[in-house]
Amino acid sequence: MKLKPLADRVLLKQDKAETKTASGIIIPETAQEKTQTATVEAVGPGTDKEKITVKPGDRVMYEKYAGIQVKADGEEYLIVKNSEIIAVVE
């Protein structure tokens, strides 16, 4: 199944959370904090009021409670509004 965002929406694939601290302590999955960085997988066409400012392949940071989680082909994705993306990571 292929997901294509509509309007000013962006499809993100979240980065994996750290499983180990710098000192080597393993963090259980239940205690891991979700990252707020992701890779852009697909973008919508934008609207007259909201132009899309990222492209597929960009690594971005987004607001903590942004978007809607979806699952497709066993993978988890996040669909956010373009305005919820706060930075491009270079």
PDB file of N, CA and C in Angstrom:
ATOM      1  N   MET A   1       0.856  -1.174   0.000  1.00  0.00           N
ATOM      2  CA  MET A   1       0.000   0.000   0.000  1.00  0.00           C
ATOM      3  C   MET A   1       0.903   1.239   0.000  1.00  0.00           C
ATOM      4  N   LYS A   2       0.611   2.175  -0.862  1.00  0.00           N
ATOM      5  CA  LYS A   2       1.388   3.402  -0.941  1.00  0.00           C
ATOM      6  C   LYS A   2       0.548   4.552  -0.404  1.00  0.00           C
ATOM      7  N   LEU A   3       1.129   5.349   0.497  1.00  0.00           N
ATOM      8  CA  LEU A   3       0.418   6.484   1.081  1.00  0.00           C
ATOM      9  C   LEU A   3       0.831   7.771   0.387  1.00  0.00           C
ATOM     10  N   LYS A   4      -0.135   8.568  -0.027  1.00  0.00           N
ATOM     11  CA  LYS A   4       0.116   9.859  -0.667  1.00  0.00           C
ATOM     12  C   LYS A   4      -0.629  10.917   0.127  1.00  0.00           C
ATOM     13  N   PRO A   5       0.098  11.784   0.846  1.00  0.00           N
ATOM     14  CA  PRO A   5      -0.575  12.822   1.640  1.00  0.00           C
ATOM     15  C   PRO A   5      -1.339  13.811   0.747  1.00  0.00           C
ATOM     16  N   LEU A   6      -2.382  14.388   1.314  1.00  0.00           N
ATOM     17  CA  LEU A   6      -3.179  15.382   0.602  1.00  0.00           C
ATOM     18  C   LEU A   6      -2.914  16.771   1.171  1.00  0.00           C
ATOM     19  N   ALA A   7      -3.256  17.785   0.401  1.00  0.00           N
ATOM     20  CA  ALA A   7      -3.177  19.200   0.810  1.00  0.00           C
ATOM     21  C   ALA A   7      -1.796  19.528   1.388  1.00  0.00           C
ATOM     22  N   ASP A   8      -1.765  20.062   2.604  1.00  0.00           N
ATOM     23  CA  ASP A   8      -0.499  20.507   3.203  1.00  0.00           C
ATOM     24  C   ASP A   8       0.062  19.482   4.179  1.00  0.00           C
ATOM     25  N   ARG A   9      -0.205  18.201   3.933  1.00  0.00           N
ATOM     26  CA  ARG A   9       0.256  17.137   4.823  1.00  0.00           C
ATOM     27  C   ARG A   9       1.579  16.549   4.326  1.00  0.00           C
ATOM     28  N   VAL A  10       2.352  16.005   5.281  1.00  0.00           N
ATOM     29  CA  VAL A  10       3.654  15.403   4.984  1.00  0.00           C
ATOM     30  C   VAL A  10       3.714  14.037   5.672  1.00  0.00           C
ATOM     31  N   LEU A  11       4.164  13.014   4.955  1.00  0.00           N
ATOM     32  CA  LEU A  11       4.311  11.668   5.492  1.00  0.00           C
ATOM     33  C   LEU A  11       5.742  11.496   5.992  1.00  0.00           C
ATOM     34  N   LEU A  12       5.880  11.159   7.282  1.00  0.00           N
ATOM     35  CA  LEU A  12       7.196  11.021   7.901  1.00  0.00           C
ATOM     36  C   LEU A  12       7.414   9.594   8.391  1.00  0.00           C
ATOM     37  N   LYS A  13       8.664   9.145   8.333  1.00  0.00           N
ATOM     38  CA  LYS A  13       9.071   7.882   8.956  1.00  0.00           C
ATOM     39  C   LYS A  13       9.971   8.268  10.120  1.00  0.00           C
ATOM     40  N   GLN A  14       9.491   7.987  11.329  1.00  0.00           N
ATOM     41  CA  GLN A  14      10.195   8.404  12.532  1.00  0.00           C
ATOM     42  C   GLN A  14      11.528   7.684  12.681  1.00  0.00           C
ATOM     43  N   ASP A  15      12.528   8.419  13.212  1.00  0.00           N
ATOM     44  CA  ASP A  15      13.824   7.829  13.522  1.00  0.00           C
ATOM     45  C   ASP A  15      13.666   6.885  14.707  1.00  0.00           C
ATOM     46  N   LYS A  16      14.507   5.906  14.775  1.00  0.00           N
ATOM     47  CA  LYS A  16      14.493   4.955  15.888  1.00  0.00           C
ATOM     48  C   LYS A  16      14.988   5.642  17.156  1.00  0.00           C
ATOM     49  N   ALA A  17      14.393   5.310  18.289  1.00  0.00           N
ATOM     50  CA  ALA A  17      14.810   5.854  19.580  1.00  0.00           C
ATOM     51  C   ALA A  17      16.097   5.169  20.021  1.00  0.00           C
ATOM     52  N   GLU A  18      16.884   5.884  20.792  1.00  0.00           N
ATOM     53  CA  GLU A  18      18.123   5.317  21.328  1.00  0.00           C
ATOM     54  C   GLU A  18      17.787   4.157  22.258  1.00  0.00           C
ATOM     55  N   THR A  19      18.502   3.050  22.106  1.00  0.00           N
ATOM     56  CA  THR A  19      18.260   1.888  22.957  1.00  0.00           C
ATOM     57  C   THR A  19      19.331   1.737  24.025  1.00  0.00           C
ATOM     58  N   LYS A  20      20.357   2.577  23.948  1.00  0.00           N
ATOM     59  CA  LYS A  20      21.456   2.477  24.899  1.00  0.00           C
ATOM     60  C   LYS A  20      21.972   3.874  25.224  1.00  0.00           C
ATOM     61  N   THR A  21      22.317   4.119  26.481  1.00  0.00           N
ATOM     62  CA  THR A  21      22.881   5.412  26.870  1.00  0.00           C
ATOM     63  C   THR A  21      24.358   5.451  26.483  1.00  0.00           C
ATOM     64  N   ALA A  22      24.964   6.629  26.594  1.00  0.00           N
ATOM     65  CA  ALA A  22      26.377   6.795  26.269  1.00  0.00           C
ATOM     66  C   ALA A  22      27.260   5.911  27.145  1.00  0.00           C
ATOM     67  N   SER A  23      26.823   5.647  28.371  1.00  0.00           N
ATOM     68  CA  SER A  23      27.612   4.812  29.283  1.00  0.00           C
ATOM     69  C   SER A  23      27.327   3.318  29.106  1.00  0.00           C
ATOM     70  N   GLY A  24      26.430   2.956  28.180  1.00  0.00           N
ATOM     71  CA  GLY A  24      26.185   1.557  27.872  1.00  0.00           C
ATOM     72  C   GLY A  24      24.977   0.933  28.534  1.00  0.00           C
ATOM     73  N   ILE A  25      24.198   1.718  29.268  1.00  0.00           N
ATOM     74  CA  ILE A  25      23.002   1.181  29.915  1.00  0.00           C
ATOM     75  C   ILE A  25      21.907   1.003  28.869  1.00  0.00           C
ATOM     76  N   ILE A  26      21.306  -0.189  28.841  1.00  0.00           N
ATOM     77  CA  ILE A  26      20.248  -0.480  27.870  1.00  0.00           C
ATOM     78  C   ILE A  26      18.927   0.063  28.395  1.00  0.00           C
ATOM     79  N   ILE A  27      18.227   0.816  27.540  1.00  0.00           N
ATOM     80  CA  ILE A  27      16.940   1.419  27.904  1.00  0.00           C
ATOM     81  C   ILE A  27      15.823   0.517  27.378  1.00  0.00           C
ATOM     82  N   PRO A  28      14.939   0.031  28.255  1.00  0.00           N
ATOM     83  CA  PRO A  28      13.833  -0.807  27.766  1.00  0.00           C
ATOM     84  C   PRO A  28      12.891   0.002  26.872  1.00  0.00           C
ATOM     85  N   GLU A  29      12.253  -0.683  25.936  1.00  0.00           N
ATOM     86  CA  GLU A  29      11.388  -0.010  24.966  1.00  0.00           C
ATOM     87  C   GLU A  29      10.280   0.796  25.633  1.00  0.00           C
ATOM     88  N   THR A  30       9.762   0.313  26.750  1.00  0.00           N
ATOM     89  CA  THR A  30       8.678   1.013  27.436  1.00  0.00           C
ATOM     90  C   THR A  30       9.139   2.330  28.054  1.00  0.00           C
ATOM     91  N   ALA A  31      10.435   2.480  28.310  1.00  0.00           N
ATOM     92  CA  ALA A  31      10.960   3.699  28.927  1.00  0.00           C
ATOM     93  C   ALA A  31      11.563   4.656  27.909  1.00  0.00           C
ATOM     94  N   GLN A  32      11.650   4.236  26.649  1.00  0.00           N
ATOM     95  CA  GLN A  32      12.256   5.089  25.629  1.00  0.00           C
ATOM     96  C   GLN A  32      11.325   6.233  25.268  1.00  0.00           C
ATOM     97  N   GLU A  33      11.910   7.421  25.176  1.00  0.00           N
ATOM     98  CA  GLU A  33      11.130   8.573  24.763  1.00  0.00           C
ATOM     99  C   GLU A  33      11.138   8.633  23.243  1.00  0.00           C
ATOM    100  N   LYS A  34       9.997   8.921  22.645  1.00  0.00           N
ATOM    101  CA  LYS A  34       9.923   8.993  21.195  1.00  0.00           C
ATOM    102  C   LYS A  34      10.765  10.158  20.689  1.00  0.00           C
ATOM    103  N   THR A  35      11.445   9.912  19.585  1.00  0.00           N
ATOM    104  CA  THR A  35      12.240  10.989  18.997  1.00  0.00           C
ATOM    105  C   THR A  35      11.315  11.956  18.280  1.00  0.00           C
ATOM    106  N   GLN A  36      11.786  13.134  18.072  1.00  0.00           N
ATOM    107  CA  GLN A  36      11.013  14.118  17.333  1.00  0.00           C
ATOM    108  C   GLN A  36      11.713  14.454  16.024  1.00  0.00           C
ATOM    109  N   THR A  37      12.468  13.488  15.512  1.00  0.00           N
ATOM    110  CA  THR A  37      13.096  13.636  14.210  1.00  0.00           C
ATOM    111  C   THR A  37      12.599  12.511  13.315  1.00  0.00           C
ATOM    112  N   ALA A  38      12.547  12.801  12.022  1.00  0.00           N
ATOM    113  CA  ALA A  38      12.033  11.823  11.071  1.00  0.00           C
ATOM    114  C   ALA A  38      12.540  12.155   9.676  1.00  0.00           C
ATOM    115  N   THR A  39      12.332  11.220   8.766  1.00  0.00           N
ATOM    116  CA  THR A  39      12.678  11.415   7.365  1.00  0.00           C
ATOM    117  C   THR A  39      11.389  11.586   6.572  1.00  0.00           C
ATOM    118  N   VAL A  40      11.366  12.564   5.683  1.00  0.00           N
ATOM    119  CA  VAL A  40      10.190  12.815   4.843  1.00  0.00           C
ATOM    120  C   VAL A  40      10.105  11.715   3.792  1.00  0.00           C
ATOM    121  N   GLU A  41       8.982  11.019   3.752  1.00  0.00           N
ATOM    122  CA  GLU A  41       8.755   9.952   2.781  1.00  0.00           C
ATOM    123  C   GLU A  41       7.978  10.460   1.565  1.00  0.00           C
ATOM    124  N   ALA A  42       6.973  11.318   1.805  1.00  0.00           N
ATOM    125  CA  ALA A  42       6.142  11.856   0.725  1.00  0.00           C
ATOM    126  C   ALA A  42       5.516  13.162   1.190  1.00  0.00           C
ATOM    127  N   VAL A  43       5.168  14.011   0.236  1.00  0.00           N
ATOM    128  CA  VAL A  43       4.538  15.299   0.557  1.00  0.00           C
ATOM    129  C   VAL A  43       3.291  15.491  -0.288  1.00  0.00           C
ATOM    130  N   GLY A  44       2.335  16.243   0.260  1.00  0.00           N
ATOM    131  CA  GLY A  44       1.140  16.600  -0.485  1.00  0.00           C
ATOM    132  C   GLY A  44       1.459  17.757  -1.427  1.00  0.00           C
ATOM    133  N   PRO A  45       0.498  18.154  -2.251  1.00  0.00           N
ATOM    134  CA  PRO A  45       0.734  19.225  -3.218  1.00  0.00           C
ATOM    135  C   PRO A  45       0.743  20.624  -2.604  1.00  0.00           C
ATOM    136  N   GLY A  46       0.330  20.755  -1.347  1.00  0.00           N
ATOM    137  CA  GLY A  46       0.233  22.079  -0.737  1.00  0.00           C
ATOM    138  C   GLY A  46      -1.100  22.719  -1.072  1.00  0.00           C
ATOM    139  N   THR A  47      -1.317  23.902  -0.520  1.00  0.00           N
ATOM    140  CA  THR A  47      -2.532  24.657  -0.797  1.00  0.00           C
ATOM    141  C   THR A  47      -2.144  26.072  -1.179  1.00  0.00           C
ATOM    142  N   ASP A  48      -3.123  26.882  -1.533  1.00  0.00           N
ATOM    143  CA  ASP A  48      -2.830  28.284  -1.864  1.00  0.00           C
ATOM    144  C   ASP A  48      -2.270  29.028  -0.659  1.00  0.00           C
ATOM    145  N   LYS A  49      -2.749  28.679   0.535  1.00  0.00           N
ATOM    146  CA  LYS A  49      -2.303  29.358   1.756  1.00  0.00           C
ATOM    147  C   LYS A  49      -1.046  28.738   2.346  1.00  0.00           C
ATOM    148  N   GLU A  50      -0.848  27.434   2.168  1.00  0.00           N
ATOM    149  CA  GLU A  50       0.274  26.719   2.799  1.00  0.00           C
ATOM    150  C   GLU A  50       1.094  25.975   1.742  1.00  0.00           C
ATOM    151  N   LYS A  51       2.264  26.510   1.438  1.00  0.00           N
ATOM    152  CA  LYS A  51       3.167  25.862   0.488  1.00  0.00           C
ATOM    153  C   LYS A  51       4.009  24.821   1.221  1.00  0.00           C
ATOM    154  N   ILE A  52       4.308  23.725   0.569  1.00  0.00           N
ATOM    155  CA  ILE A  52       5.140  22.676   1.159  1.00  0.00           C
ATOM    156  C   ILE A  52       6.600  23.138   1.101  1.00  0.00           C
ATOM    157  N   THR A  53       7.288  23.051   2.230  1.00  0.00           N
ATOM    158  CA  THR A  53       8.662  23.569   2.327  1.00  0.00           C
ATOM    159  C   THR A  53       9.711  22.475   2.451  1.00  0.00           C
ATOM    160  N   VAL A  54       9.302  21.207   2.421  1.00  0.00           N
ATOM    161  CA  VAL A  54      10.244  20.093   2.511  1.00  0.00           C
ATOM    162  C   VAL A  54      10.042  19.167   1.318  1.00  0.00           C
ATOM    163  N   LYS A  55      11.015  18.283   1.114  1.00  0.00           N
ATOM    164  CA  LYS A  55      10.922  17.333   0.005  1.00  0.00           C
ATOM    165  C   LYS A  55      11.266  15.940   0.505  1.00  0.00           C
ATOM    166  N   PRO A  56      10.856  14.891  -0.203  1.00  0.00           N
ATOM    167  CA  PRO A  56      11.194  13.533   0.219  1.00  0.00           C
ATOM    168  C   PRO A  56      12.706  13.374   0.396  1.00  0.00           C
ATOM    169  N   GLY A  57      13.087  12.702   1.483  1.00  0.00           N
ATOM    170  CA  GLY A  57      14.500  12.505   1.779  1.00  0.00           C
ATOM    171  C   GLY A  57      15.042  13.475   2.818  1.00  0.00           C
ATOM    172  N   ASP A  58      14.348  14.612   3.034  1.00  0.00           N
ATOM    173  CA  ASP A  58      14.778  15.576   4.052  1.00  0.00           C
ATOM    174  C   ASP A  58      14.623  14.961   5.432  1.00  0.00           C
ATOM    175  N   ARG A  59      15.556  15.275   6.326  1.00  0.00           N
ATOM    176  CA  ARG A  59      15.436  14.868   7.730  1.00  0.00           C
ATOM    177  C   ARG A  59      14.934  16.087   8.487  1.00  0.00           C
ATOM    178  N   VAL A  60      13.857  15.932   9.253  1.00  0.00           N
ATOM    179  CA  VAL A  60      13.205  17.069   9.893  1.00  0.00           C
ATOM    180  C   VAL A  60      12.943  16.827  11.371  1.00  0.00           C
ATOM    181  N   MET A  61      12.706  17.927  12.095  1.00  0.00           N
ATOM    182  CA  MET A  61      12.231  17.881  13.479  1.00  0.00           C
ATOM    183  C   MET A  61      10.796  18.392  13.450  1.00  0.00           C
ATOM    184  N   TYR A  62       9.947  17.814  14.291  1.00  0.00           N
ATOM    185  CA  TYR A  62       8.546  18.209  14.323  1.00  0.00           C
ATOM    186  C   TYR A  62       8.089  18.400  15.768  1.00  0.00           C
ATOM    187  N   GLU A  63       6.945  19.059  15.935  1.00  0.00           N
ATOM    188  CA  GLU A  63       6.404  19.332  17.268  1.00  0.00           C
ATOM    189  C   GLU A  63       6.084  18.023  17.995  1.00  0.00           C
ATOM    190  N   LYS A  64       6.207  18.050  19.312  1.00  0.00           N
ATOM    191  CA  LYS A  64       6.092  16.844  20.126  1.00  0.00           C
ATOM    192  C   LYS A  64       4.776  16.086  19.937  1.00  0.00           C
ATOM    193  N   TYR A  65       3.655  16.762  19.913  1.00  0.00           N
ATOM    194  CA  TYR A  65       2.364  16.083  19.816  1.00  0.00           C
ATOM    195  C   TYR A  65       1.754  16.221  18.428  1.00  0.00           C
ATOM    196  N   ALA A  66       2.583  16.342  17.419  1.00  0.00           N
ATOM    197  CA  ALA A  66       2.116  16.567  16.057  1.00  0.00           C
ATOM    198  C   ALA A  66       1.647  15.277  15.392  1.00  0.00           C
ATOM    199  N   GLY A  67       0.712  15.437  14.484  1.00  0.00           N
ATOM    200  CA  GLY A  67       0.362  14.388  13.554  1.00  0.00           C
ATOM    201  C   GLY A  67      -0.478  13.230  14.049  1.00  0.00           C
ATOM    202  N   ILE A  68      -0.678  12.318  13.105  1.00  0.00           N
ATOM    203  CA  ILE A  68      -1.478  11.118  13.319  1.00  0.00           C
ATOM    204  C   ILE A  68      -0.618   9.925  12.916  1.00  0.00           C
ATOM    205  N   GLN A  69      -0.516   8.929  13.796  1.00  0.00           N
ATOM    206  CA  GLN A  69       0.252   7.739  13.468  1.00  0.00           C
ATOM    207  C   GLN A  69      -0.585   6.801  12.613  1.00  0.00           C
ATOM    208  N   VAL A  70       0.044   6.264  11.558  1.00  0.00           N
ATOM    209  CA  VAL A  70      -0.614   5.299  10.681  1.00  0.00           C
ATOM    210  C   VAL A  70       0.334   4.131  10.454  1.00  0.00           C
ATOM    211  N   LYS A  71      -0.229   2.980  10.095  1.00  0.00           N
ATOM    212  CA  LYS A  71       0.569   1.795   9.837  1.00  0.00           C
ATOM    213  C   LYS A  71       0.244   1.318   8.432  1.00  0.00           C
ATOM    214  N   ALA A  72       1.281   1.052   7.635  1.00  0.00           N
ATOM    215  CA  ALA A  72       1.097   0.544   6.279  1.00  0.00           C
ATOM    216  C   ALA A  72       2.218  -0.443   5.983  1.00  0.00           C
ATOM    217  N   ASP A  73       1.870  -1.610   5.497  1.00  0.00           N
ATOM    218  CA  ASP A  73       2.840  -2.656   5.165  1.00  0.00           C
ATOM    219  C   ASP A  73       3.765  -2.981   6.333  1.00  0.00           C
ATOM    220  N   GLY A  74       3.230  -2.984   7.539  1.00  0.00           N
ATOM    221  CA  GLY A  74       4.010  -3.328   8.717  1.00  0.00           C
ATOM    222  C   GLY A  74       4.932  -2.219   9.205  1.00  0.00           C
ATOM    223  N   GLU A  75       4.941  -1.081   8.561  1.00  0.00           N
ATOM    224  CA  GLU A  75       5.778   0.065   8.947  1.00  0.00           C
ATOM    225  C   GLU A  75       4.901   1.131   9.598  1.00  0.00           C
ATOM    226  N   GLU A  76       5.454   1.841  10.572  1.00  0.00           N
ATOM    227  CA  GLU A  76       4.725   2.934  11.209  1.00  0.00           C
ATOM    228  C   GLU A  76       5.173   4.267  10.628  1.00  0.00           C
ATOM    229  N   TYR A  77       4.201   5.110  10.337  1.00  0.00           N
ATOM    230  CA  TYR A  77       4.458   6.431   9.776  1.00  0.00           C
ATOM    231  C   TYR A  77       3.710   7.474  10.594  1.00  0.00           C
ATOM    232  N   LEU A  78       4.040   8.721  10.339  1.00  0.00           N
ATOM    233  CA  LEU A  78       3.381   9.843  10.982  1.00  0.00           C
ATOM    234  C   LEU A  78       2.972  10.817   9.886  1.00  0.00           C
ATOM    235  N   ILE A  79       1.713  11.227   9.880  1.00  0.00           N
ATOM    236  CA  ILE A  79       1.256  12.234   8.923  1.00  0.00           C
ATOM    237  C   ILE A  79       1.069  13.529   9.700  1.00  0.00           C
ATOM    238  N   VAL A  80       1.824  14.565   9.303  1.00  0.00           N
ATOM    239  CA  VAL A  80       1.776  15.855   9.986  1.00  0.00           C
ATOM    240  C   VAL A  80       1.438  16.956   8.992  1.00  0.00           C
ATOM    241  N   LYS A  81       0.974  18.079   9.514  1.00  0.00           N
ATOM    242  CA  LYS A  81       0.794  19.261   8.683  1.00  0.00           C
ATOM    243  C   LYS A  81       2.167  19.889   8.452  1.00  0.00           C
ATOM    244  N   ASN A  82       2.350  20.513   7.315  1.00  0.00           N
ATOM    245  CA  ASN A  82       3.617  21.166   7.003  1.00  0.00           C
ATOM    246  C   ASN A  82       3.998  22.173   8.097  1.00  0.00           C
ATOM    247  N   SER A  83       3.006  22.847   8.673  1.00  0.00           N
ATOM    248  CA  SER A  83       3.267  23.860   9.696  1.00  0.00           C
ATOM    249  C   SER A  83       3.751  23.255  11.017  1.00  0.00           C
ATOM    250  N   GLU A  84       3.579  21.932  11.221  1.00  0.00           N
ATOM    251  CA  GLU A  84       4.047  21.277  12.443  1.00  0.00           C
ATOM    252  C   GLU A  84       5.520  20.877  12.364  1.00  0.00           C
ATOM    253  N   ILE A  85       6.109  21.015  11.180  1.00  0.00           N
ATOM    254  CA  ILE A  85       7.543  20.751  11.013  1.00  0.00           C
ATOM    255  C   ILE A  85       8.282  22.019  11.435  1.00  0.00           C
ATOM    256  N   ILE A  86       9.218  21.882  12.385  1.00  0.00           N
ATOM    257  CA  ILE A  86       9.853  23.067  12.947  1.00  0.00           C
ATOM    258  C   ILE A  86      11.259  23.306  12.421  1.00  0.00           C
ATOM    259  N   ALA A  87      11.902  22.291  11.824  1.00  0.00           N
ATOM    260  CA  ALA A  87      13.258  22.489  11.316  1.00  0.00           C
ATOM    261  C   ALA A  87      13.655  21.358  10.362  1.00  0.00           C
ATOM    262  N   VAL A  88      14.579  21.680   9.463  1.00  0.00           N
ATOM    263  CA  VAL A  88      15.208  20.672   8.613  1.00  0.00           C
ATOM    264  C   VAL A  88      16.583  20.424   9.212  1.00  0.00           C
ATOM    265  N   VAL A  89      16.916  19.161   9.442  1.00  0.00           N
ATOM    266  CA  VAL A  89      18.217  18.793  10.017  1.00  0.00           C
ATOM    267  C   VAL A  89      19.203  18.579   8.872  1.00  0.00           C
ATOM    268  N   GLU A  90      20.299  19.320   8.911  1.00  0.00           N
ATOM    269  CA  GLU A  90      21.316  19.179   7.836  1.00  0.00           C
ATOM    270  C   GLU A  90      22.562  18.504   8.334  1.00  0.00           C
TER     271      GLU A  90
END
